[in-house]
PDB file of N, CA and C in Angstrom:
ATOM      1  N   MET A   1       0.810  -1.200   0.000  1.00  0.00           N
ATOM      2  CA  MET A   1       0.000   0.000   0.000  1.00  0.00           C
ATOM      3  C   MET A   1       0.852   1.262   0.000  1.00  0.00           C
ATOM      4  N   SER A   2       2.057   1.187   0.563  1.00  0.00           N
ATOM      5  CA  SER A   2       2.934   2.360   0.592  1.00  0.00           C
ATOM      6  C   SER A   2       3.268   2.858  -0.796  1.00  0.00           C
ATOM      7  N   TRP A   3       3.363   1.965  -1.750  1.00  0.00           N
ATOM      8  CA  TRP A   3       3.726   2.379  -3.097  1.00  0.00           C
ATOM      9  C   TRP A   3       2.675   3.311  -3.692  1.00  0.00           C
ATOM     10  N   LEU A   4       1.417   3.159  -3.301  1.00  0.00           N
ATOM     11  CA  LEU A   4       0.374   4.072  -3.781  1.00  0.00           C
ATOM     12  C   LEU A   4       0.590   5.486  -3.230  1.00  0.00           C
ATOM     13  N   LEU A   5       1.061   5.567  -1.992  1.00  0.00           N
ATOM     14  CA  LEU A   5       1.361   6.868  -1.410  1.00  0.00           C
ATOM     15  C   LEU A   5       2.546   7.525  -2.134  1.00  0.00           C
ATOM     16  N   VAL A   6       3.537   6.726  -2.481  1.00  0.00           N
ATOM     17  CA  VAL A   6       4.684   7.245  -3.227  1.00  0.00           C
ATOM     18  C   VAL A   6       4.223   7.759  -4.592  1.00  0.00           C
ATOM     19  N   VAL A   7       3.393   6.991  -5.265  1.00  0.00           N
ATOM     20  CA  VAL A   7       2.869   7.396  -6.578  1.00  0.00           C
ATOM     21  C   VAL A   7       2.070   8.690  -6.465  1.00  0.00           C
ATOM     22  N   ALA A   8       1.217   8.774  -5.449  1.00  0.00           N
ATOM     23  CA  ALA A   8       0.409   9.984  -5.267  1.00  0.00           C
ATOM     24  C   ALA A   8       1.287  11.205  -5.013  1.00  0.00           C
ATOM     25  N   GLY A   9       2.296  11.054  -4.161  1.00  0.00           N
ATOM     26  CA  GLY A   9       3.198  12.168  -3.903  1.00  0.00           C
ATOM     27  C   GLY A   9       3.977  12.569  -5.133  1.00  0.00           C
ATOM     28  N   ALA A  10       4.444  11.592  -5.895  1.00  0.00           N
ATOM     29  CA  ALA A  10       5.200  11.864  -7.113  1.00  0.00           C
ATOM     30  C   ALA A  10       4.336  12.533  -8.176  1.00  0.00           C
ATOM     31  N   ALA A  11       3.047  12.188  -8.199  1.00  0.00           N
ATOM     32  CA  ALA A  11       2.134  12.791  -9.166  1.00  0.00           C
ATOM     33  C   ALA A  11       1.981  14.292  -8.924  1.00  0.00           C
ATOM     34  N   VAL A  12       2.222  14.724  -7.716  1.00  0.00           N
ATOM     35  CA  VAL A  12       2.192  16.156  -7.392  1.00  0.00           C
ATOM     36  C   VAL A  12       3.593  16.750  -7.536  1.00  0.00           C
ATOM     37  N   GLY A  13       4.606  16.024  -7.093  1.00  0.00           N
ATOM     38  CA  GLY A  13       5.968  16.547  -7.081  1.00  0.00           C
ATOM     39  C   GLY A  13       6.553  16.794  -8.454  1.00  0.00           C
ATOM     40  N   ALA A  14       6.327  15.910  -9.400  1.00  0.00           N
ATOM     41  CA  ALA A  14       6.918  16.059 -10.735  1.00  0.00           C
ATOM     42  C   ALA A  14       6.399  17.303 -11.471  1.00  0.00           C
ATOM     43  N   PRO A  15       5.081  17.499 -11.542  1.00  0.00           N
ATOM     44  CA  PRO A  15       4.622  18.726 -12.199  1.00  0.00           C
ATOM     45  C   PRO A  15       5.013  19.987 -11.416  1.00  0.00           C
ATOM     46  N   LEU A  16       5.056  19.877 -10.097  1.00  0.00           N
ATOM     47  CA  LEU A  16       5.472  21.008  -9.277  1.00  0.00           C
ATOM     48  C   LEU A  16       6.917  21.389  -9.592  1.00  0.00           C
ATOM     49  N   ARG A  17       7.765  20.387  -9.770  1.00  0.00           N
ATOM     50  CA  ARG A  17       9.162  20.652 -10.134  1.00  0.00           C
ATOM     51  C   ARG A  17       9.232  21.360 -11.468  1.00  0.00           C
ATOM     52  N   TYR A  18       8.548  20.836 -12.456  1.00  0.00           N
ATOM     53  CA  TYR A  18       8.579  21.410 -13.795  1.00  0.00           C
ATOM     54  C   TYR A  18       8.076  22.853 -13.783  1.00  0.00           C
ATOM     55  N   LEU A  19       6.933  23.084 -13.170  1.00  0.00           N
ATOM     56  CA  LEU A  19       6.340  24.420 -13.165  1.00  0.00           C
ATOM     57  C   LEU A  19       7.190  25.421 -12.375  1.00  0.00           C
ATOM     58  N   THR A  20       7.735  24.976 -11.244  1.00  0.00           N
ATOM     59  CA  THR A  20       8.585  25.857 -10.441  1.00  0.00           C
ATOM     60  C   THR A  20       9.867  26.190 -11.192  1.00  0.00           C
ATOM     61  N   ASP A  21      10.486  25.185 -11.787  1.00  0.00           N
ATOM     62  CA  ASP A  21      11.714  25.410 -12.559  1.00  0.00           C
ATOM     63  C   ASP A  21      11.471  26.413 -13.680  1.00  0.00           C
ATOM     64  N   ARG A  22      10.408  26.231 -14.420  1.00  0.00           N
ATOM     65  CA  ARG A  22      10.102  27.141 -15.541  1.00  0.00           C
ATOM     66  C   ARG A  22       9.825  28.551 -15.036  1.00  0.00           C
ATOM     67  N   ALA A  23       9.076  28.678 -13.944  1.00  0.00           N
ATOM     68  CA  ALA A  23       8.748  30.007 -13.402  1.00  0.00           C
ATOM     69  C   ALA A  23       9.998  30.732 -12.921  1.00  0.00           C
ATOM     70  N   VAL A  24      10.873  30.016 -12.231  1.00  0.00           N
ATOM     71  CA  VAL A  24      12.103  30.636 -11.727  1.00  0.00           C
ATOM     72  C   VAL A  24      13.020  31.004 -12.886  1.00  0.00           C
ATOM     73  N   GLN A  25      13.221  30.104 -13.827  1.00  0.00           N
ATOM     74  CA  GLN A  25      14.111  30.383 -14.953  1.00  0.00           C
ATOM     75  C   GLN A  25      13.602  31.538 -15.811  1.00  0.00           C
ATOM     76  N   ALA A  26      12.290  31.685 -15.920  1.00  0.00           N
ATOM     77  CA  ALA A  26      11.722  32.775 -16.724  1.00  0.00           C
ATOM     78  C   ALA A  26      12.047  34.143 -16.127  1.00  0.00           C
ATOM     79  N   ARG A  27      12.330  34.183 -14.840  1.00  0.00           N
ATOM     80  CA  ARG A  27      12.641  35.446 -14.162  1.00  0.00           C
ATOM     81  C   ARG A  27      14.118  35.801 -14.217  1.00  0.00           C
ATOM     82  N   HIS A  28      14.941  34.887 -14.709  1.00  0.00           N
ATOM     83  CA  HIS A  28      16.385  35.120 -14.753  1.00  0.00           C
ATOM     84  C   HIS A  28      16.884  35.001 -16.183  1.00  0.00           C
ATOM     85  N   ASP A  29      17.609  36.013 -16.614  1.00  0.00           N
ATOM     86  CA  ASP A  29      18.152  36.021 -17.965  1.00  0.00           C
ATOM     87  C   ASP A  29      19.610  35.571 -17.926  1.00  0.00           C
ATOM     88  N   SER A  30      19.798  34.315 -17.499  1.00  0.00           N
ATOM     89  CA  SER A  30      21.148  33.771 -17.433  1.00  0.00           C
ATOM     90  C   SER A  30      21.096  32.284 -17.700  1.00  0.00           C
ATOM     91  N   GLY A  31      22.239  31.704 -17.939  1.00  0.00           N
ATOM     92  CA  GLY A  31      22.321  30.270 -18.160  1.00  0.00           C
ATOM     93  C   GLY A  31      22.475  29.480 -16.874  1.00  0.00           C
ATOM     94  N   PHE A  32      22.504  30.182 -15.734  1.00  0.00           N
ATOM     95  CA  PHE A  32      22.655  29.494 -14.456  1.00  0.00           C
ATOM     96  C   PHE A  32      21.342  28.799 -14.091  1.00  0.00           C
ATOM     97  N   PRO A  33      21.400  27.570 -13.610  1.00  0.00           N
ATOM     98  CA  PRO A  33      20.184  26.788 -13.332  1.00  0.00           C
ATOM     99  C   PRO A  33      19.499  27.154 -12.008  1.00  0.00           C
ATOM    100  N   TRP A  34      18.972  28.351 -11.932  1.00  0.00           N
ATOM    101  CA  TRP A  34      18.310  28.811 -10.703  1.00  0.00           C
ATOM    102  C   TRP A  34      17.084  27.985 -10.362  1.00  0.00           C
ATOM    103  N   GLY A  35      16.367  27.519 -11.363  1.00  0.00           N
ATOM    104  CA  GLY A  35      15.160  26.725 -11.112  1.00  0.00           C
ATOM    105  C   GLY A  35      15.461  25.409 -10.428  1.00  0.00           C
ATOM    106  N   THR A  36      16.483  24.725 -10.889  1.00  0.00           N
ATOM    107  CA  THR A  36      16.874  23.455 -10.270  1.00  0.00           C
ATOM    108  C   THR A  36      17.372  23.696  -8.848  1.00  0.00           C
ATOM    109  N   LEU A  37      18.139  24.749  -8.666  1.00  0.00           N
ATOM    110  CA  LEU A  37      18.608  25.104  -7.325  1.00  0.00           C
ATOM    111  C   LEU A  37      17.416  25.348  -6.395  1.00  0.00           C
ATOM    112  N   ALA A  38      16.407  26.038  -6.894  1.00  0.00           N
ATOM    113  CA  ALA A  38      15.228  26.357  -6.078  1.00  0.00           C
ATOM    114  C   ALA A  38      14.462  25.097  -5.674  1.00  0.00           C
ATOM    115  N   VAL A  39      14.207  24.195  -6.626  1.00  0.00           N
ATOM    116  CA  VAL A  39      13.430  23.006  -6.279  1.00  0.00           C
ATOM    117  C   VAL A  39      14.219  22.071  -5.372  1.00  0.00           C
ATOM    118  N   ASN A  40      15.522  21.956  -5.600  1.00  0.00           N
ATOM    119  CA  ASN A  40      16.321  21.087  -4.739  1.00  0.00           C
ATOM    120  C   ASN A  40      16.420  21.642  -3.322  1.00  0.00           C
ATOM    121  N   THR A  41      16.516  22.946  -3.198  1.00  0.00           N
ATOM    122  CA  THR A  41      16.566  23.561  -1.869  1.00  0.00           C
ATOM    123  C   THR A  41      15.220  23.411  -1.161  1.00  0.00           C
ATOM    124  N   ALA A  42      14.148  23.637  -1.883  1.00  0.00           N
ATOM    125  CA  ALA A  42      12.811  23.489  -1.294  1.00  0.00           C
ATOM    126  C   ALA A  42      12.570  22.048  -0.854  1.00  0.00           C
ATOM    127  N   GLY A  43      12.961  21.099  -1.684  1.00  0.00           N
ATOM    128  CA  GLY A  43      12.805  19.690  -1.323  1.00  0.00           C
ATOM    129  C   GLY A  43      13.614  19.323  -0.089  1.00  0.00           C
ATOM    130  N   SER A  44      14.809  19.872   0.025  1.00  0.00           N
ATOM    131  CA  SER A  44      15.638  19.621   1.204  1.00  0.00           C
ATOM    132  C   SER A  44      14.988  20.198   2.460  1.00  0.00           C
ATOM    133  N   LEU A  45      14.375  21.346   2.332  1.00  0.00           N
ATOM    134  CA  LEU A  45      13.678  21.957   3.469  1.00  0.00           C
ATOM    135  C   LEU A  45      12.507  21.083   3.919  1.00  0.00           C
ATOM    136  N   VAL A  46      11.719  20.611   2.973  1.00  0.00           N
ATOM    137  CA  VAL A  46      10.579  19.751   3.303  1.00  0.00           C
ATOM    138  C   VAL A  46      11.055  18.443   3.950  1.00  0.00           C
ATOM    139  N   LEU A  47      12.120  17.855   3.410  1.00  0.00           N
ATOM    140  CA  LEU A  47      12.649  16.631   4.017  1.00  0.00           C
ATOM    141  C   LEU A  47      13.143  16.893   5.435  1.00  0.00           C
ATOM    142  N   GLY A  48      13.745  18.044   5.660  1.00  0.00           N
ATOM    143  CA  GLY A  48      14.169  18.399   7.010  1.00  0.00           C
ATOM    144  C   GLY A  48      12.988  18.535   7.949  1.00  0.00           C
ATOM    145  N   LEU A  49      11.925  19.157   7.474  1.00  0.00           N
ATOM    146  CA  LEU A  49      10.716  19.284   8.295  1.00  0.00           C
ATOM    147  C   LEU A  49      10.149  17.912   8.652  1.00  0.00           C
ATOM    148  N   LEU A  50      10.107  17.020   7.669  1.00  0.00           N
ATOM    149  CA  LEU A  50       9.585  15.671   7.910  1.00  0.00           C
ATOM    150  C   LEU A  50      10.463  14.909   8.886  1.00  0.00           C
ATOM    151  N   ALA A  51      11.769  15.001   8.711  1.00  0.00           N
ATOM    152  CA  ALA A  51      12.687  14.288   9.604  1.00  0.00           C
ATOM    153  C   ALA A  51      12.625  14.847  11.012  1.00  0.00           C
ATOM    154  N   GLY A  52      12.571  16.163  11.125  1.00  0.00           N
ATOM    155  CA  GLY A  52      12.515  16.783  12.441  1.00  0.00           C
ATOM    156  C   GLY A  52      11.223  16.513  13.173  1.00  0.00           C
ATOM    157  N   ALA A  53      10.143  16.357  12.423  1.00  0.00           N
ATOM    158  CA  ALA A  53       8.842  16.092  13.038  1.00  0.00           C
ATOM    159  C   ALA A  53       8.633  14.610  13.296  1.00  0.00           C
ATOM    160  N   ALA A  54       9.536  13.773  12.800  1.00  0.00           N
ATOM    161  CA  ALA A  54       9.442  12.319  12.963  1.00  0.00           C
ATOM    162  C   ALA A  54       8.050  11.829  12.565  1.00  0.00           C
ATOM    163  N   VAL A  55       7.664  12.099  11.323  1.00  0.00           N
ATOM    164  CA  VAL A  55       6.344  11.721  10.822  1.00  0.00           C
ATOM    165  C   VAL A  55       6.239  10.207  10.656  1.00  0.00           C
ATOM    166  N   SER A  56       5.030   9.743  10.485  1.00  0.00           N
ATOM    167  CA  SER A  56       4.783   8.312  10.303  1.00  0.00           C
ATOM    168  C   SER A  56       5.381   7.828   8.982  1.00  0.00           C
ATOM    169  N   SER A  57       5.519   6.539   8.859  1.00  0.00           N
ATOM    170  CA  SER A  57       6.080   5.986   7.624  1.00  0.00           C
ATOM    171  C   SER A  57       5.162   6.252   6.429  1.00  0.00           C
ATOM    172  N   SER A  58       3.872   6.299   6.664  1.00  0.00           N
ATOM    173  CA  SER A  58       2.934   6.612   5.577  1.00  0.00           C
ATOM    174  C   SER A  58       3.104   8.050   5.106  1.00  0.00           C
ATOM    175  N   ALA A  59       3.219   8.959   6.047  1.00  0.00           N
ATOM    176  CA  ALA A  59       3.416  10.365   5.689  1.00  0.00           C
ATOM    177  C   ALA A  59       4.748  10.552   4.977  1.00  0.00           C
ATOM    178  N   TYR A  60       5.773   9.823   5.427  1.00  0.00           N
ATOM    179  CA  TYR A  60       7.072   9.931   4.782  1.00  0.00           C
ATOM    180  C   TYR A  60       7.036   9.353   3.371  1.00  0.00           C
ATOM    181  N   ALA A  61       6.310   8.259   3.176  1.00  0.00           N
ATOM    182  CA  ALA A  61       6.178   7.674   1.837  1.00  0.00           C
ATOM    183  C   ALA A  61       5.517   8.672   0.888  1.00  0.00           C
ATOM    184  N   LEU A  62       4.461   9.325   1.348  1.00  0.00           N
ATOM    185  CA  LEU A  62       3.734  10.286   0.524  1.00  0.00           C
ATOM    186  C   LEU A  62       4.553  11.542   0.264  1.00  0.00           C
ATOM    187  N   LEU A  63       5.040  12.156   1.343  1.00  0.00           N
ATOM    188  CA  LEU A  63       5.688  13.461   1.224  1.00  0.00           C
ATOM    189  C   LEU A  63       7.196  13.397   0.996  1.00  0.00           C
ATOM    190  N   GLY A  64       7.862  12.490   1.673  1.00  0.00           N
ATOM    191  CA  GLY A  64       9.315  12.399   1.551  1.00  0.00           C
ATOM    192  C   GLY A  64       9.733  11.700   0.270  1.00  0.00           C
ATOM    193  N   THR A  65       9.349  10.440   0.165  1.00  0.00           N
ATOM    194  CA  THR A  65       9.756   9.660  -0.999  1.00  0.00           C
ATOM    195  C   THR A  65       9.019  10.099  -2.261  1.00  0.00           C
ATOM    196  N   GLY A  66       7.709  10.248  -2.168  1.00  0.00           N
ATOM    197  CA  GLY A  66       6.911  10.606  -3.344  1.00  0.00           C
ATOM    198  C   GLY A  66       7.075  12.047  -3.785  1.00  0.00           C
ATOM    199  N   LEU A  67       6.606  12.974  -2.954  1.00  0.00           N
ATOM    200  CA  LEU A  67       6.629  14.392  -3.321  1.00  0.00           C
ATOM    201  C   LEU A  67       8.055  14.904  -3.500  1.00  0.00           C
ATOM    202  N   CYS A  68       8.878  14.753  -2.472  1.00  0.00           N
ATOM    203  CA  CYS A  68      10.244  15.292  -2.537  1.00  0.00           C
ATOM    204  C   CYS A  68      11.115  14.529  -3.525  1.00  0.00           C
ATOM    205  N   GLY A  69      10.878  13.233  -3.643  1.00  0.00           N
ATOM    206  CA  GLY A  69      11.643  12.450  -4.606  1.00  0.00           C
ATOM    207  C   GLY A  69      11.412  12.919  -6.035  1.00  0.00           C
ATOM    208  N   ALA A  70      10.184  13.292  -6.347  1.00  0.00           N
ATOM    209  CA  ALA A  70       9.872  13.785  -7.691  1.00  0.00           C
ATOM    210  C   ALA A  70      10.165  15.282  -7.831  1.00  0.00           C
ATOM    211  N   LEU A  71      10.090  16.005  -6.740  1.00  0.00           N
ATOM    212  CA  LEU A  71      10.356  17.453  -6.781  1.00  0.00           C
ATOM    213  C   LEU A  71      11.832  17.734  -6.988  1.00  0.00           C
ATOM    214  N   THR A  72      12.680  17.042  -6.272  1.00  0.00           N
ATOM    215  CA  THR A  72      14.118  17.282  -6.365  1.00  0.00           C
ATOM    216  C   THR A  72      14.720  16.465  -7.493  1.00  0.00           C
ATOM    217  N   THR A  73      15.892  16.885  -7.940  1.00  0.00           N
ATOM    218  CA  THR A  73      16.473  16.196  -9.085  1.00  0.00           C
ATOM    219  C   THR A  73      17.988  16.277  -9.083  1.00  0.00           C
ATOM    220  N   TYR A  74      18.612  15.177  -8.751  1.00  0.00           N
ATOM    221  CA  TYR A  74      20.071  15.122  -8.782  1.00  0.00           C
ATOM    222  C   TYR A  74      20.573  15.001 -10.216  1.00  0.00           C
ATOM    223  N   SER A  75      19.842  14.281 -11.044  1.00  0.00           N
ATOM    224  CA  SER A  75      20.288  14.090 -12.425  1.00  0.00           C
ATOM    225  C   SER A  75      20.301  15.405 -13.196  1.00  0.00           C
ATOM    226  N   THR A  76      19.288  16.231 -13.025  1.00  0.00           N
ATOM    227  CA  THR A  76      19.267  17.516 -13.718  1.00  0.00           C
ATOM    228  C   THR A  76      20.361  18.429 -13.171  1.00  0.00           C
ATOM    229  N   PHE A  77      20.563  18.418 -11.868  1.00  0.00           N
ATOM    230  CA  PHE A  77      21.658  19.180 -11.263  1.00  0.00           C
ATOM    231  C   PHE A  77      22.992  18.775 -11.886  1.00  0.00           C
ATOM    232  N   SER A  78      23.240  17.477 -12.011  1.00  0.00           N
ATOM    233  CA  SER A  78      24.486  16.978 -12.597  1.00  0.00           C
ATOM    234  C   SER A  78      24.613  17.396 -14.055  1.00  0.00           C
ATOM    235  N   TYR A  79      23.543  17.225 -14.801  1.00  0.00           N
ATOM    236  CA  TYR A  79      23.541  17.574 -16.227  1.00  0.00           C
ATOM    237  C   TYR A  79      23.797  19.067 -16.420  1.00  0.00           C
ATOM    238  N   GLU A  80      23.098  19.896 -15.678  1.00  0.00           N
ATOM    239  CA  GLU A  80      23.257  21.346 -15.836  1.00  0.00           C
ATOM    240  C   GLU A  80      24.655  21.807 -15.424  1.00  0.00           C
ATOM    241  N   THR A  81      25.219  21.173 -14.415  1.00  0.00           N
ATOM    242  CA  THR A  81      26.586  21.499 -14.012  1.00  0.00           C
ATOM    243  C   THR A  81      27.566  21.143 -15.120  1.00  0.00           C
ATOM    244  N   LEU A  82      27.407  19.972 -15.702  1.00  0.00           N
ATOM    245  CA  LEU A  82      28.267  19.555 -16.806  1.00  0.00           C
ATOM    246  C   LEU A  82      28.119  20.492 -17.997  1.00  0.00           C
ATOM    247  N   ARG A  83      26.892  20.887 -18.311  1.00  0.00           N
ATOM    248  CA  ARG A  83      26.652  21.811 -19.431  1.00  0.00           C
ATOM    249  C   ARG A  83      27.330  23.157 -19.198  1.00  0.00           C
ATOM    250  N   LEU A  84      27.295  23.658 -17.980  1.00  0.00           N
ATOM    251  CA  LEU A  84      27.986  24.911 -17.682  1.00  0.00           C
ATOM    252  C   LEU A  84      29.480  24.778 -17.950  1.00  0.00           C
ATOM    253  N   ALA A  85      30.059  23.684 -17.506  1.00  0.00           N
ATOM    254  CA  ALA A  85      31.494  23.456 -17.709  1.00  0.00           C
ATOM    255  C   ALA A  85      31.822  23.304 -19.196  1.00  0.00           C
ATOM    256  N   GLU A  86      31.009  22.565 -19.918  1.00  0.00           N
ATOM    257  CA  GLU A  86      31.245  22.351 -21.353  1.00  0.00           C
ATOM    258  C   GLU A  86      31.099  23.630 -22.166  1.00  0.00           C
ATOM    259  N   ARG A  87      30.272  24.524 -21.712  1.00  0.00           N
ATOM    260  CA  ARG A  87      30.047  25.788 -22.422  1.00  0.00           C
ATOM    261  C   ARG A  87      31.068  26.857 -22.049  1.00  0.00           C
ATOM    262  N   GLY A  88      32.085  26.465 -21.334  1.00  0.00           N
ATOM    263  CA  GLY A  88      33.150  27.406 -21.004  1.00  0.00           C
ATOM    264  C   GLY A  88      32.898  28.237 -19.770  1.00  0.00           C
ATOM    265  N   SER A  89      32.092  27.737 -18.860  1.00  0.00           N
ATOM    266  CA  SER A  89      31.807  28.450 -17.613  1.00  0.00           C
ATOM    267  C   SER A  89      32.167  27.586 -16.410  1.00  0.00           C
ATOM    268  N   PRO A  90      33.440  27.259 -16.250  1.00  0.00           N
ATOM    269  CA  PRO A  90      33.815  26.385 -15.135  1.00  0.00           C
ATOM    270  C   PRO A  90      33.551  27.017 -13.768  1.00  0.00           C
ATOM    271  N   ARG A  91      33.652  28.322 -13.673  1.00  0.00           N
ATOM    272  CA  ARG A  91      33.356  28.981 -12.387  1.00  0.00           C
ATOM    273  C   ARG A  91      31.878  28.876 -12.048  1.00  0.00           C
ATOM    274  N   ALA A  92      31.041  29.038 -13.051  1.00  0.00           N
ATOM    275  CA  ALA A  92      29.600  28.895 -12.819  1.00  0.00           C
ATOM    276  C   ALA A  92      29.264  27.454 -12.444  1.00  0.00           C
ATOM    277  N   ALA A  93      29.937  26.500 -13.071  1.00  0.00           N
ATOM    278  CA  ALA A  93      29.714  25.084 -12.737  1.00  0.00           C
ATOM    279  C   ALA A  93      30.126  24.809 -11.295  1.00  0.00           C
ATOM    280  N   ALA A  94      31.290  25.318 -10.907  1.00  0.00           N
ATOM    281  CA  ALA A  94      31.760  25.126  -9.524  1.00  0.00           C
ATOM    282  C   ALA A  94      30.834  25.835  -8.538  1.00  0.00           C
ATOM    283  N   ALA A  95      30.376  27.025  -8.911  1.00  0.00           N
ATOM    284  CA  ALA A  95      29.449  27.759  -8.048  1.00  0.00           C
ATOM    285  C   ALA A  95      28.137  27.002  -7.897  1.00  0.00           C
ATOM    286  N   ASN A  96      27.675  26.379  -8.973  1.00  0.00           N
ATOM    287  CA  ASN A  96      26.442  25.597  -8.908  1.00  0.00           C
ATOM    288  C   ASN A  96      26.586  24.436  -7.932  1.00  0.00           C
ATOM    289  N   VAL A  97      27.713  23.759  -7.983  1.00  0.00           N
ATOM    290  CA  VAL A  97      27.945  22.640  -7.064  1.00  0.00           C
ATOM    291  C   VAL A  97      27.993  23.141  -5.626  1.00  0.00           C
ATOM    292  N   ALA A  98      28.811  24.163  -5.388  1.00  0.00           N
ATOM    293  CA  ALA A  98      28.972  24.676  -4.022  1.00  0.00           C
ATOM    294  C   ALA A  98      27.660  25.229  -3.477  1.00  0.00           C
ATOM    295  N   LEU A  99      26.975  26.012  -4.284  1.00  0.00           N
ATOM    296  CA  LEU A  99      25.719  26.626  -3.839  1.00  0.00           C
ATOM    297  C   LEU A  99      24.641  25.573  -3.613  1.00  0.00           C
ATOM    298  N   SER A 100      24.554  24.593  -4.490  1.00  0.00           N
ATOM    299  CA  SER A 100      23.535  23.554  -4.356  1.00  0.00           C
ATOM    300  C   SER A 100      23.749  22.711  -3.104  1.00  0.00           C
ATOM    301  N   VAL A 101      24.989  22.323  -2.857  1.00  0.00           N
ATOM    302  CA  VAL A 101      25.271  21.509  -1.675  1.00  0.00           C
ATOM    303  C   VAL A 101      25.043  22.324  -0.406  1.00  0.00           C
ATOM    304  N   ALA A 102      25.550  23.554  -0.377  1.00  0.00           N
ATOM    305  CA  ALA A 102      25.388  24.395   0.813  1.00  0.00           C
ATOM    306  C   ALA A 102      23.913  24.718   1.065  1.00  0.00           C
ATOM    307  N   ALA A 103      23.194  25.087   0.023  1.00  0.00           N
ATOM    308  CA  ALA A 103      21.775  25.428   0.185  1.00  0.00           C
ATOM    309  C   ALA A 103      20.959  24.203   0.602  1.00  0.00           C
ATOM    310  N   GLY A 104      21.246  23.065   0.012  1.00  0.00           N
ATOM    311  CA  GLY A 104      20.515  21.839   0.360  1.00  0.00           C
ATOM    312  C   GLY A 104      20.744  21.425   1.797  1.00  0.00           C
ATOM    313  N   LEU A 105      22.002  21.418   2.215  1.00  0.00           N
ATOM    314  CA  LEU A 105      22.297  21.049   3.606  1.00  0.00           C
ATOM    315  C   LEU A 105      21.754  22.084   4.586  1.00  0.00           C
ATOM    316  N   GLY A 106      21.887  23.345   4.228  1.00  0.00           N
ATOM    317  CA  GLY A 106      21.357  24.404   5.096  1.00  0.00           C
ATOM    318  C   GLY A 106      19.851  24.324   5.239  1.00  0.00           C
ATOM    319  N   ALA A 107      19.161  24.090   4.127  1.00  0.00           N
ATOM    320  CA  ALA A 107      17.695  23.982   4.171  1.00  0.00           C
ATOM    321  C   ALA A 107      17.257  22.756   4.962  1.00  0.00           C
ATOM    322  N   LEU A 108      17.970  21.655   4.790  1.00  0.00           N
ATOM    323  CA  LEU A 108      17.664  20.446   5.558  1.00  0.00           C
ATOM    324  C   LEU A 108      17.804  20.711   7.052  1.00  0.00           C
ATOM    325  N   TYR A 109      18.888  21.335   7.437  1.00  0.00           N
ATOM    326  CA  TYR A 109      19.133  21.647   8.852  1.00  0.00           C
ATOM    327  C   TYR A 109      18.064  22.600   9.392  1.00  0.00           C
ATOM    328  N   LEU A 110      17.758  23.658   8.644  1.00  0.00           N
ATOM    329  CA  LEU A 110      16.723  24.599   9.089  1.00  0.00           C
ATOM    330  C   LEU A 110      15.365  23.922   9.239  1.00  0.00           C
ATOM    331  N   GLY A 111      15.040  23.050   8.306  1.00  0.00           N
ATOM    332  CA  GLY A 111      13.771  22.327   8.375  1.00  0.00           C
ATOM    333  C   GLY A 111      13.701  21.436   9.604  1.00  0.00           C
ATOM    334  N   MET A 112      14.792  20.726   9.874  1.00  0.00           N
ATOM    335  CA  MET A 112      14.809  19.857  11.062  1.00  0.00           C
ATOM    336  C   MET A 112      14.673  20.665  12.335  1.00  0.00           C
ATOM    337  N   GLU A 113      15.407  21.753  12.429  1.00  0.00           N
ATOM    338  CA  GLU A 113      15.347  22.575  13.635  1.00  0.00           C
ATOM    339  C   GLU A 113      13.976  23.223  13.798  1.00  0.00           C
ATOM    340  N   ALA A 114      13.384  23.678  12.697  1.00  0.00           N
ATOM    341  CA  ALA A 114      12.051  24.280  12.770  1.00  0.00           C
ATOM    342  C   ALA A 114      11.023  23.253  13.252  1.00  0.00           C
ATOM    343  N   ALA A 115      11.078  22.056  12.689  1.00  0.00           N
ATOM    344  CA  ALA A 115      10.133  21.003  13.095  1.00  0.00           C
ATOM    345  C   ALA A 115      10.325  20.628  14.545  1.00  0.00           C
ATOM    346  N   ARG A 116      11.558  20.507  14.968  1.00  0.00           N
ATOM    347  CA  ARG A 116      11.813  20.163  16.372  1.00  0.00           C
ATOM    348  C   ARG A 116      11.315  21.263  17.298  1.00  0.00           C
ATOM    349  N   GLY A 117      11.474  22.503  16.887  1.00  0.00           N
ATOM    350  CA  GLY A 117      10.984  23.614  17.691  1.00  0.00           C
ATOM    351  C   GLY A 117       9.467  23.643  17.776  1.00  0.00           C
ATOM    352  N   LEU A 118       8.816  23.270  16.703  1.00  0.00           N
ATOM    353  CA  LEU A 118       7.348  23.284  16.683  1.00  0.00           C
ATOM    354  C   LEU A 118       6.745  22.070  17.392  1.00  0.00           C
ATOM    355  N   THR A 119       7.440  20.946  17.306  1.00  0.00           N
ATOM    356  CA  THR A 119       6.887  19.731  17.913  1.00  0.00           C
ATOM    357  C   THR A 119       7.416  19.474  19.326  1.00  0.00           C
ATOM    358  N   GLY A 120       8.422  20.234  19.688  1.00  0.00           N
ATOM    359  CA  GLY A 120       8.952  20.128  21.058  1.00  0.00           C
ATOM    360  C   GLY A 120       9.731  18.921  21.229  1.00  0.00           C
TER     361      GLY A 120
END
């Protein structure tokens, strides 16, 4: 039954990723992957909230594995980083890696601390 929760969460997360990425990229006139950075950071924040709140396995299947699994994207992050490097922007590629890792870990930590503060 858990797989249905994963499917339901992914059915929301995948279009949310696409729409958020497009909306963010439309606001920036650069080749830097701001949309992917935004969805990966948001997904890390949600996962931190779930981990900090110690939600049930059903809630984690729906929101963590399903929603966040489809919302976040390591493959696109990797591809966009490689494309930046191939197009002659090694500094932008390095910045994408550093910013993505720092933002993801920071958002995860903030989410966990916020959830722990709210749930006591």
